[in-house]
Amino acid sequence: MATVSALATYPIKGCGGVVLERAEATPTGLADDRLFAPVGPDGTIVWQGQAPLLAAVRARLLHEGAKLELSAPGAGELVVDVVTDGPTQPIDIEKWPGAGIDQGDEVAEWLSGAIGTPVRLMREPARASRARGPADPGALLVLSLSTLDGLNARILERGANPVPMDRFRPNIVISGWPEPHTEDRVERMTIGGAEIGFGEPAIRCAVTLVDQSTGMRVGPEPLRTLADYRRVPDGTIFGLKASVLSPGAIAVGDSVTVTEWR
């Protein structure tokens, strides 16, 4: 029987994940996932390809989302109030309507120092209204243990070291599917109290070459091996981007039932 093996959210785009036992699946993804983003002076998101040390930054929302706690090696910890209505800055981030809400100088200085790149921390301006809109085809990243095992078997065959699941930054990890890439064939499935639908294959980039614990680039795996057997015209695919068709709670250990195959 397929079940949920792990859950994670990434409160700040590009930063480290928060491992959860339970989460609410909403039309925009797991609650509070990628609610904030580091934005450069030009208004575009700064990602791990530019600043790999983002991976070593840990962020956690406290007091029902009223405060944001950050930590990073060598930078210590910082707790700040979350700004929900304040100065804004035009941003160029997919799916974010309008301008981002600037979280202030203190957190901008701390985060810039932690990653070695000047950034402002922005909060998505319209998460609540977007959650009431059409289902986002990329709301969730779903990956199975068998898919990772299949990749690592190929990596080991060429004499390289296997890679951990966190290189792929999934929201939902599924165990119990015997065949690798079963997630590619899912059209609809129920997970806990939510219904999930196929969105699009997950195209992989240089983020997978960054150690998500240290923020150091350690390639060429897994992209080298993935290119051997998972390349498509648009890039290299690994995992499923999924939409939330019916919101609900998901917990580690919940059963996963495929109701329609592609």
C-alpha atoms as a PDB file:
ATOM      1  CA  MET A   1       0.000   0.000   0.000  1.00  0.00           C
ATOM      2  CA  ALA A   2       1.292   3.434  -0.920  1.00  0.00           C
ATOM      3  CA  THR A   3       1.543   5.954   1.901  1.00  0.00           C
ATOM      4  CA  VAL A   4       2.952   9.390   2.640  1.00  0.00           C
ATOM      5  CA  SER A   5       6.541   8.932   3.787  1.00  0.00           C
ATOM      6  CA  ALA A   6       7.456  12.591   4.351  1.00  0.00           C
ATOM      7  CA  LEU A   7       6.100  16.131   4.093  1.00  0.00           C
ATOM      8  CA  ALA A   8       8.004  19.391   3.781  1.00  0.00           C
ATOM      9  CA  THR A   9       7.398  23.045   3.103  1.00  0.00           C
ATOM     10  CA  TYR A  10       9.836  25.762   2.082  1.00  0.00           C
ATOM     11  CA  PRO A  11       8.591  29.032   3.625  1.00  0.00           C
ATOM     12  CA  ILE A  12      11.200  31.033   1.695  1.00  0.00           C
ATOM     13  CA  LYS A  13      11.714  30.166  -1.960  1.00  0.00           C
ATOM     14  CA  GLY A  14      15.151  28.604  -2.368  1.00  0.00           C
ATOM     15  CA  CYS A  15      15.831  28.213   1.353  1.00  0.00           C
ATOM     16  CA  GLY A  16      15.854  25.060   3.468  1.00  0.00           C
ATOM     17  CA  GLY A  17      12.763  23.008   4.109  1.00  0.00           C
ATOM     18  CA  VAL A  18      10.680  22.430   7.212  1.00  0.00           C
ATOM     19  CA  VAL A  19       9.858  18.768   7.842  1.00  0.00           C
ATOM     20  CA  LEU A  20       6.242  18.305   8.925  1.00  0.00           C
ATOM     21  CA  GLU A  21       4.066  15.531  10.275  1.00  0.00           C
ATOM     22  CA  ARG A  22       0.865  17.160   8.992  1.00  0.00           C
ATOM     23  CA  ALA A  23       0.011  19.922   6.534  1.00  0.00           C
ATOM     24  CA  GLU A  24      -2.995  21.525   4.882  1.00  0.00           C
ATOM     25  CA  ALA A  25      -3.105  21.166   1.103  1.00  0.00           C
ATOM     26  CA  THR A  26      -4.595  24.302  -0.467  1.00  0.00           C
ATOM     27  CA  PRO A  27      -5.053  25.376  -4.114  1.00  0.00           C
ATOM     28  CA  THR A  28      -1.689  27.178  -3.868  1.00  0.00           C
ATOM     29  CA  GLY A  29       0.142  24.198  -2.322  1.00  0.00           C
ATOM     30  CA  LEU A  30       0.878  23.203   1.245  1.00  0.00           C
ATOM     31  CA  ALA A  31       0.002  26.005   3.661  1.00  0.00           C
ATOM     32  CA  ASP A  32       2.711  28.702   3.855  1.00  0.00           C
ATOM     33  CA  ASP A  33       4.889  26.970   1.256  1.00  0.00           C
ATOM     34  CA  ARG A  34       7.064  29.473  -0.632  1.00  0.00           C
ATOM     35  CA  LEU A  35       5.239  32.389   0.944  1.00  0.00           C
ATOM     36  CA  PHE A  36       8.409  34.523   0.901  1.00  0.00           C
ATOM     37  CA  ALA A  37      11.121  35.077  -1.688  1.00  0.00           C
ATOM     38  CA  PRO A  38      14.611  36.631  -1.746  1.00  0.00           C
ATOM     39  CA  VAL A  39      14.566  39.311  -4.427  1.00  0.00           C
ATOM     40  CA  GLY A  40      17.562  41.042  -5.962  1.00  0.00           C
ATOM     41  CA  PRO A  41      17.925  44.748  -6.784  1.00  0.00           C
ATOM     42  CA  ASP A  42      16.486  44.138 -10.268  1.00  0.00           C
ATOM     43  CA  GLY A  43      13.221  42.738  -8.873  1.00  0.00           C
ATOM     44  CA  THR A  44      13.868  39.123  -9.843  1.00  0.00           C
ATOM     45  CA  ILE A  45      14.088  36.171  -7.501  1.00  0.00           C
ATOM     46  CA  VAL A  46      17.536  35.098  -6.335  1.00  0.00           C
ATOM     47  CA  TRP A  47      17.839  31.308  -6.542  1.00  0.00           C
ATOM     48  CA  GLN A  48      20.345  28.659  -5.511  1.00  0.00           C
ATOM     49  CA  GLY A  49      22.054  28.747  -8.897  1.00  0.00           C
ATOM     50  CA  GLN A  50      23.183  32.288  -8.048  1.00  0.00           C
ATOM     51  CA  ALA A  51      23.436  31.943  -4.270  1.00  0.00           C
ATOM     52  CA  PRO A  52      23.781  28.284  -3.208  1.00  0.00           C
ATOM     53  CA  LEU A  53      24.048  29.266   0.467  1.00  0.00           C
ATOM     54  CA  LEU A  54      20.294  29.861   0.377  1.00  0.00           C
ATOM     55  CA  ALA A  55      19.979  26.106   0.937  1.00  0.00           C
ATOM     56  CA  ALA A  56      21.580  26.395   4.375  1.00  0.00           C
ATOM     57  CA  VAL A  57      19.121  29.058   5.548  1.00  0.00           C
ATOM     58  CA  ARG A  58      16.297  27.652   7.665  1.00  0.00           C
ATOM     59  CA  ALA A  59      13.039  29.559   8.051  1.00  0.00           C
ATOM     60  CA  ARG A  60      10.059  28.785  10.253  1.00  0.00           C
ATOM     61  CA  LEU A  61       6.811  30.635  10.846  1.00  0.00           C
ATOM     62  CA  LEU A  62       5.845  31.120  14.495  1.00  0.00           C
ATOM     63  CA  HIS A  63       2.769  32.348  16.372  1.00  0.00           C
ATOM     64  CA  GLU A  64       0.322  31.382  13.613  1.00  0.00           C
ATOM     65  CA  GLY A  65       2.369  33.153  10.977  1.00  0.00           C
ATOM     66  CA  ALA A  66       2.894  36.402  12.865  1.00  0.00           C
ATOM     67  CA  LYS A  67       6.658  35.941  13.199  1.00  0.00           C
ATOM     68  CA  LEU A  68       9.409  34.483  11.022  1.00  0.00           C
ATOM     69  CA  GLU A  69      12.416  32.724  12.545  1.00  0.00           C
ATOM     70  CA  LEU A  70      15.582  32.379  10.469  1.00  0.00           C
ATOM     71  CA  SER A  71      18.881  30.640  11.118  1.00  0.00           C
ATOM     72  CA  ALA A  72      22.008  29.899   9.106  1.00  0.00           C
ATOM     73  CA  PRO A  73      25.546  28.659   9.818  1.00  0.00           C
ATOM     74  CA  GLY A  74      27.735  31.583  10.799  1.00  0.00           C
ATOM     75  CA  ALA A  75      24.830  34.026  10.846  1.00  0.00           C
ATOM     76  CA  GLY A  76      23.065  32.982  14.032  1.00  0.00           C
ATOM     77  CA  GLU A  77      19.319  33.358  14.440  1.00  0.00           C
ATOM     78  CA  LEU A  78      16.853  36.141  13.783  1.00  0.00           C
ATOM     79  CA  VAL A  79      13.162  36.459  14.642  1.00  0.00           C
ATOM     80  CA  VAL A  80      11.158  39.224  12.958  1.00  0.00           C
ATOM     81  CA  ASP A  81       7.533  40.261  12.713  1.00  0.00           C
ATOM     82  CA  VAL A  82       5.920  39.279   9.420  1.00  0.00           C
ATOM     83  CA  VAL A  83       4.842  42.365   7.495  1.00  0.00           C
ATOM     84  CA  THR A  84       1.497  41.779   5.800  1.00  0.00           C
ATOM     85  CA  ASP A  85       0.689  45.370   4.848  1.00  0.00           C
ATOM     86  CA  GLY A  86       3.611  47.670   4.208  1.00  0.00           C
ATOM     87  CA  PRO A  87       6.064  48.976   1.593  1.00  0.00           C
ATOM     88  CA  THR A  88       5.984  47.066  -1.679  1.00  0.00           C
ATOM     89  CA  GLN A  89       8.414  46.556  -4.527  1.00  0.00           C
ATOM     90  CA  PRO A  90       7.685  45.539  -8.116  1.00  0.00           C
ATOM     91  CA  ILE A  91       8.744  41.933  -8.585  1.00  0.00           C
ATOM     92  CA  ASP A  92       9.101  39.490 -11.445  1.00  0.00           C
ATOM     93  CA  ILE A  93       8.139  36.160  -9.909  1.00  0.00           C
ATOM     94  CA  GLU A  94       5.926  33.613 -11.607  1.00  0.00           C
ATOM     95  CA  LYS A  95       2.451  33.353 -10.042  1.00  0.00           C
ATOM     96  CA  TRP A  96       2.907  36.399  -7.783  1.00  0.00           C
ATOM     97  CA  PRO A  97       0.444  39.121  -8.785  1.00  0.00           C
ATOM     98  CA  GLY A  98       1.445  42.730  -8.218  1.00  0.00           C
ATOM     99  CA  ALA A  99       4.260  43.852  -5.970  1.00  0.00           C
ATOM    100  CA  GLY A 100       5.896  41.960  -3.122  1.00  0.00           C
ATOM    101  CA  ILE A 101       5.543  43.153   0.460  1.00  0.00           C
ATOM    102  CA  ASP A 102       8.974  44.141   1.757  1.00  0.00           C
ATOM    103  CA  GLN A 103       9.824  42.545   5.110  1.00  0.00           C
ATOM    104  CA  GLY A 104      12.151  45.319   6.215  1.00  0.00           C
ATOM    105  CA  ASP A 105      15.795  46.295   6.533  1.00  0.00           C
ATOM    106  CA  GLU A 106      16.724  44.044   9.459  1.00  0.00           C
ATOM    107  CA  VAL A 107      15.862  40.774   7.760  1.00  0.00           C
ATOM    108  CA  ALA A 108      17.236  42.001   4.418  1.00  0.00           C
ATOM    109  CA  GLU A 109      20.606  42.752   5.999  1.00  0.00           C
ATOM    110  CA  TRP A 110      20.664  39.421   7.850  1.00  0.00           C
ATOM    111  CA  LEU A 111      19.727  37.343   4.799  1.00  0.00           C
ATOM    112  CA  SER A 112      22.100  39.213   2.493  1.00  0.00           C
ATOM    113  CA  GLY A 113      24.948  38.511   4.898  1.00  0.00           C
ATOM    114  CA  ALA A 114      24.007  34.853   5.283  1.00  0.00           C
ATOM    115  CA  ILE A 115      24.034  34.144   1.541  1.00  0.00           C
ATOM    116  CA  GLY A 116      26.644  36.660   0.385  1.00  0.00           C
ATOM    117  CA  THR A 117      24.292  38.356  -2.080  1.00  0.00           C
ATOM    118  CA  PRO A 118      22.250  41.564  -1.657  1.00  0.00           C
ATOM    119  CA  VAL A 119      18.541  40.745  -1.406  1.00  0.00           C
ATOM    120  CA  ARG A 120      15.293  42.009   0.019  1.00  0.00           C
ATOM    121  CA  LEU A 121      12.900  39.491   1.546  1.00  0.00           C
ATOM    122  CA  MET A 122       9.447  39.773   0.002  1.00  0.00           C
ATOM    123  CA  ARG A 123       6.133  38.242   1.011  1.00  0.00           C
ATOM    124  CA  GLU A 124       3.636  37.156  -1.610  1.00  0.00           C
ATOM    125  CA  PRO A 125       1.038  39.945  -1.765  1.00  0.00           C
ATOM    126  CA  ALA A 126      -2.118  37.971  -2.548  1.00  0.00           C
ATOM    127  CA  ARG A 127      -1.820  34.403  -1.264  1.00  0.00           C
ATOM    128  CA  ALA A 128      -5.348  34.385   0.170  1.00  0.00           C
ATOM    129  CA  SER A 129      -7.010  35.600  -3.030  1.00  0.00           C
ATOM    130  CA  ARG A 130      -4.894  33.300  -5.221  1.00  0.00           C
ATOM    131  CA  ALA A 131      -5.987  30.366  -3.054  1.00  0.00           C
ATOM    132  CA  ARG A 132      -9.565  31.099  -4.097  1.00  0.00           C
ATOM    133  CA  GLY A 133      -8.692  31.003  -7.790  1.00  0.00           C
ATOM    134  CA  PRO A 134      -8.096  28.159 -10.252  1.00  0.00           C
ATOM    135  CA  ALA A 135      -5.958  25.218  -9.164  1.00  0.00           C
ATOM    136  CA  ASP A 136      -2.243  25.845  -9.663  1.00  0.00           C
ATOM    137  CA  PRO A 137      -0.746  23.006 -11.791  1.00  0.00           C
ATOM    138  CA  GLY A 138       2.570  23.406  -9.989  1.00  0.00           C
ATOM    139  CA  ALA A 139       1.266  23.760  -6.445  1.00  0.00           C
ATOM    140  CA  LEU A 140       2.968  20.613  -5.126  1.00  0.00           C
ATOM    141  CA  LEU A 141       6.117  18.655  -5.880  1.00  0.00           C
ATOM    142  CA  VAL A 142       5.527  14.921  -5.475  1.00  0.00           C
ATOM    143  CA  LEU A 143       8.266  12.283  -5.578  1.00  0.00           C
ATOM    144  CA  SER A 144       8.397   8.613  -4.633  1.00  0.00           C
ATOM    145  CA  LEU A 145      11.075   6.675  -2.802  1.00  0.00           C
ATOM    146  CA  SER A 146      11.181   4.095  -5.598  1.00  0.00           C
ATOM    147  CA  THR A 147      11.949   6.837  -8.123  1.00  0.00           C
ATOM    148  CA  LEU A 148      14.888   8.032  -6.038  1.00  0.00           C
ATOM    149  CA  ASP A 149      16.058   4.444  -5.506  1.00  0.00           C
ATOM    150  CA  GLY A 150      16.032   3.877  -9.265  1.00  0.00           C
ATOM    151  CA  LEU A 151      18.156   6.960  -9.853  1.00  0.00           C
ATOM    152  CA  ASN A 152      20.621   6.086  -7.112  1.00  0.00           C
ATOM    153  CA  ALA A 153      21.058   2.562  -8.472  1.00  0.00           C
ATOM    154  CA  ARG A 154      22.180   4.095 -11.772  1.00  0.00           C
ATOM    155  CA  ILE A 155      24.462   6.576 -10.013  1.00  0.00           C
ATOM    156  CA  LEU A 156      26.100   3.767  -8.030  1.00  0.00           C
ATOM    157  CA  GLU A 157      26.659   1.776 -11.221  1.00  0.00           C
ATOM    158  CA  ARG A 158      28.885   4.559 -12.531  1.00  0.00           C
ATOM    159  CA  GLY A 159      30.868   4.678  -9.270  1.00  0.00           C
ATOM    160  CA  ALA A 160      29.431   7.902  -7.872  1.00  0.00           C
ATOM    161  CA  ASN A 161      27.741   8.552  -4.531  1.00  0.00           C
ATOM    162  CA  PRO A 162      23.941   8.382  -4.206  1.00  0.00           C
ATOM    163  CA  VAL A 163      22.019  11.603  -3.610  1.00  0.00           C
ATOM    164  CA  PRO A 164      19.472  12.254  -0.841  1.00  0.00           C
ATOM    165  CA  MET A 165      15.829  13.097  -1.402  1.00  0.00           C
ATOM    166  CA  ASP A 166      16.259  16.711  -0.287  1.00  0.00           C
ATOM    167  CA  ARG A 167      18.232  17.538  -3.456  1.00  0.00           C
ATOM    168  CA  PHE A 168      14.855  17.531  -5.215  1.00  0.00           C
ATOM    169  CA  ARG A 169      12.986  19.614  -2.610  1.00  0.00           C
ATOM    170  CA  PRO A 170       9.695  17.660  -2.675  1.00  0.00           C
ATOM    171  CA  ASN A 171       6.593  18.605  -0.724  1.00  0.00           C
ATOM    172  CA  ILE A 172       5.222  15.058  -0.588  1.00  0.00           C
ATOM    173  CA  VAL A 173       7.280  11.858  -0.608  1.00  0.00           C
ATOM    174  CA  ILE A 174       5.416   8.622  -1.307  1.00  0.00           C
ATOM    175  CA  SER A 175       6.509   5.137  -0.284  1.00  0.00           C
ATOM    176  CA  GLY A 176       5.049   1.798  -1.370  1.00  0.00           C
ATOM    177  CA  TRP A 177       5.035   2.193  -5.148  1.00  0.00           C
ATOM    178  CA  PRO A 178       7.233  -0.651  -6.425  1.00  0.00           C
ATOM    179  CA  GLU A 179       8.065   0.871  -9.811  1.00  0.00           C
ATOM    180  CA  PRO A 180      10.169   4.017 -10.267  1.00  0.00           C
ATOM    181  CA  HIS A 181       8.363   7.000 -11.805  1.00  0.00           C
ATOM    182  CA  THR A 182       4.898   5.736 -10.934  1.00  0.00           C
ATOM    183  CA  GLU A 183       4.046   9.371 -10.149  1.00  0.00           C
ATOM    184  CA  ASP A 184       4.469  10.176 -13.862  1.00  0.00           C
ATOM    185  CA  ARG A 185       1.412   8.051 -14.663  1.00  0.00           C
ATOM    186  CA  VAL A 186      -0.958   9.495 -12.058  1.00  0.00           C
ATOM    187  CA  GLU A 187      -3.846  11.610 -13.309  1.00  0.00           C
ATOM    188  CA  ARG A 188      -5.731  11.876  -9.996  1.00  0.00           C
ATOM    189  CA  MET A 189      -5.125  10.532  -6.498  1.00  0.00           C
ATOM    190  CA  THR A 190      -6.389  11.010  -2.982  1.00  0.00           C
ATOM    191  CA  ILE A 191      -3.875  11.626  -0.215  1.00  0.00           C
ATOM    192  CA  GLY A 192      -5.367  11.892   3.248  1.00  0.00           C
ATOM    193  CA  GLY A 193      -8.200  14.396   3.000  1.00  0.00           C
ATOM    194  CA  ALA A 194      -7.029  15.997  -0.251  1.00  0.00           C
ATOM    195  CA  GLU A 195      -7.403  15.160  -3.919  1.00  0.00           C
ATOM    196  CA  ILE A 196      -4.341  15.756  -6.066  1.00  0.00           C
ATOM    197  CA  GLY A 197      -4.167  15.959  -9.865  1.00  0.00           C
ATOM    198  CA  PHE A 198      -1.443  15.790 -12.496  1.00  0.00           C
ATOM    199  CA  GLY A 199       0.021  19.185 -13.272  1.00  0.00           C
ATOM    200  CA  GLU A 200       3.215  18.789 -15.271  1.00  0.00           C
ATOM    201  CA  PRO A 201       6.535  16.937 -15.104  1.00  0.00           C
ATOM    202  CA  ALA A 202       9.126  18.596 -12.877  1.00  0.00           C
ATOM    203  CA  ILE A 203      11.997  19.980 -14.952  1.00  0.00           C
ATOM    204  CA  ARG A 204      15.265  19.795 -13.028  1.00  0.00           C
ATOM    205  CA  CYS A 205      18.005  22.410 -12.854  1.00  0.00           C
ATOM    206  CA  ALA A 206      21.277  23.214 -11.088  1.00  0.00           C
ATOM    207  CA  VAL A 207      19.557  23.340  -7.677  1.00  0.00           C
ATOM    208  CA  THR A 208      19.919  19.541  -7.582  1.00  0.00           C
ATOM    209  CA  LEU A 209      23.705  19.990  -7.596  1.00  0.00           C
ATOM    210  CA  VAL A 210      23.659  21.894  -4.283  1.00  0.00           C
ATOM    211  CA  ASP A 211      24.046  20.097  -0.948  1.00  0.00           C
ATOM    212  CA  GLN A 212      20.869  21.211   0.821  1.00  0.00           C
ATOM    213  CA  SER A 213      22.498  20.977   4.254  1.00  0.00           C
ATOM    214  CA  THR A 214      25.638  23.006   3.604  1.00  0.00           C
ATOM    215  CA  GLY A 215      24.745  25.180   0.632  1.00  0.00           C
ATOM    216  CA  MET A 216      27.787  23.953  -1.299  1.00  0.00           C
ATOM    217  CA  ARG A 217      27.776  22.896  -4.959  1.00  0.00           C
ATOM    218  CA  VAL A 218      28.726  19.221  -5.138  1.00  0.00           C
ATOM    219  CA  GLY A 219      27.751  18.116  -8.698  1.00  0.00           C
ATOM    220  CA  PRO A 220      27.772  16.607 -11.303  1.00  0.00           C
ATOM    221  CA  GLU A 221      25.219  14.187  -9.861  1.00  0.00           C
ATOM    222  CA  PRO A 222      22.310  13.773 -10.163  1.00  0.00           C
ATOM    223  CA  LEU A 223      21.950  15.755 -13.411  1.00  0.00           C
ATOM    224  CA  ARG A 224      24.666  13.769 -15.191  1.00  0.00           C
ATOM    225  CA  THR A 225      22.861  10.470 -14.668  1.00  0.00           C
ATOM    226  CA  LEU A 226      19.368  11.897 -15.135  1.00  0.00           C
ATOM    227  CA  ALA A 227      20.422  13.204 -18.545  1.00  0.00           C
ATOM    228  CA  ASP A 228      21.076   9.603 -19.619  1.00  0.00           C
ATOM    229  CA  TYR A 229      17.486   8.448 -19.207  1.00  0.00           C
ATOM    230  CA  ARG A 230      15.149  11.308 -18.251  1.00  0.00           C
ATOM    231  CA  ARG A 231      15.882  13.931 -20.902  1.00  0.00           C
ATOM    232  CA  VAL A 232      12.978  15.412 -22.864  1.00  0.00           C
ATOM    233  CA  PRO A 233      12.930  18.362 -25.298  1.00  0.00           C
ATOM    234  CA  ASP A 234      12.247  20.832 -22.466  1.00  0.00           C
ATOM    235  CA  GLY A 235      14.962  19.526 -20.143  1.00  0.00           C
ATOM    236  CA  THR A 236      15.501  16.733 -17.632  1.00  0.00           C
ATOM    237  CA  ILE A 237      12.425  15.562 -15.711  1.00  0.00           C
ATOM    238  CA  PHE A 238      12.203  13.937 -12.288  1.00  0.00           C
ATOM    239  CA  GLY A 239       9.063  13.960 -10.160  1.00  0.00           C
ATOM    240  CA  LEU A 240       5.576  15.354 -10.550  1.00  0.00           C
ATOM    241  CA  LYS A 241       4.249  18.870 -10.213  1.00  0.00           C
ATOM    242  CA  ALA A 242       0.672  18.491  -9.056  1.00  0.00           C
ATOM    243  CA  SER A 243      -2.435  20.572  -8.483  1.00  0.00           C
ATOM    244  CA  VAL A 244      -4.717  20.435  -5.458  1.00  0.00           C
ATOM    245  CA  LEU A 245      -8.155  19.580  -6.826  1.00  0.00           C
ATOM    246  CA  SER A 246      -9.835  19.307  -3.414  1.00  0.00           C
ATOM    247  CA  PRO A 247      -8.139  20.882  -0.377  1.00  0.00           C
ATOM    248  CA  GLY A 248      -7.660  18.918   2.810  1.00  0.00           C
ATOM    249  CA  ALA A 249      -5.259  17.742   5.483  1.00  0.00           C
ATOM    250  CA  ILE A 250      -2.361  15.418   4.664  1.00  0.00           C
ATOM    251  CA  ALA A 251      -0.284  13.602   7.277  1.00  0.00           C
ATOM    252  CA  VAL A 252       2.704  11.285   7.266  1.00  0.00           C
ATOM    253  CA  GLY A 253       1.363   7.738   7.114  1.00  0.00           C
ATOM    254  CA  ASP A 254      -1.784   8.657   5.179  1.00  0.00           C
ATOM    255  CA  SER A 255      -2.750   6.253   2.423  1.00  0.00           C
ATOM    256  CA  VAL A 256      -2.297   7.241  -1.215  1.00  0.00           C
ATOM    257  CA  THR A 257      -4.991   5.976  -3.586  1.00  0.00           C
ATOM    258  CA  VAL A 258      -4.732   6.523  -7.333  1.00  0.00           C
ATOM    259  CA  THR A 259      -8.238   7.023  -8.725  1.00  0.00           C
ATOM    260  CA  GLU A 260      -7.266   7.690 -12.343  1.00  0.00           C
ATOM    261  CA  TRP A 261      -4.155   6.803 -14.330  1.00  0.00           C
ATOM    262  CA  ARG A 262      -2.782   8.717 -17.302  1.00  0.00           C
END
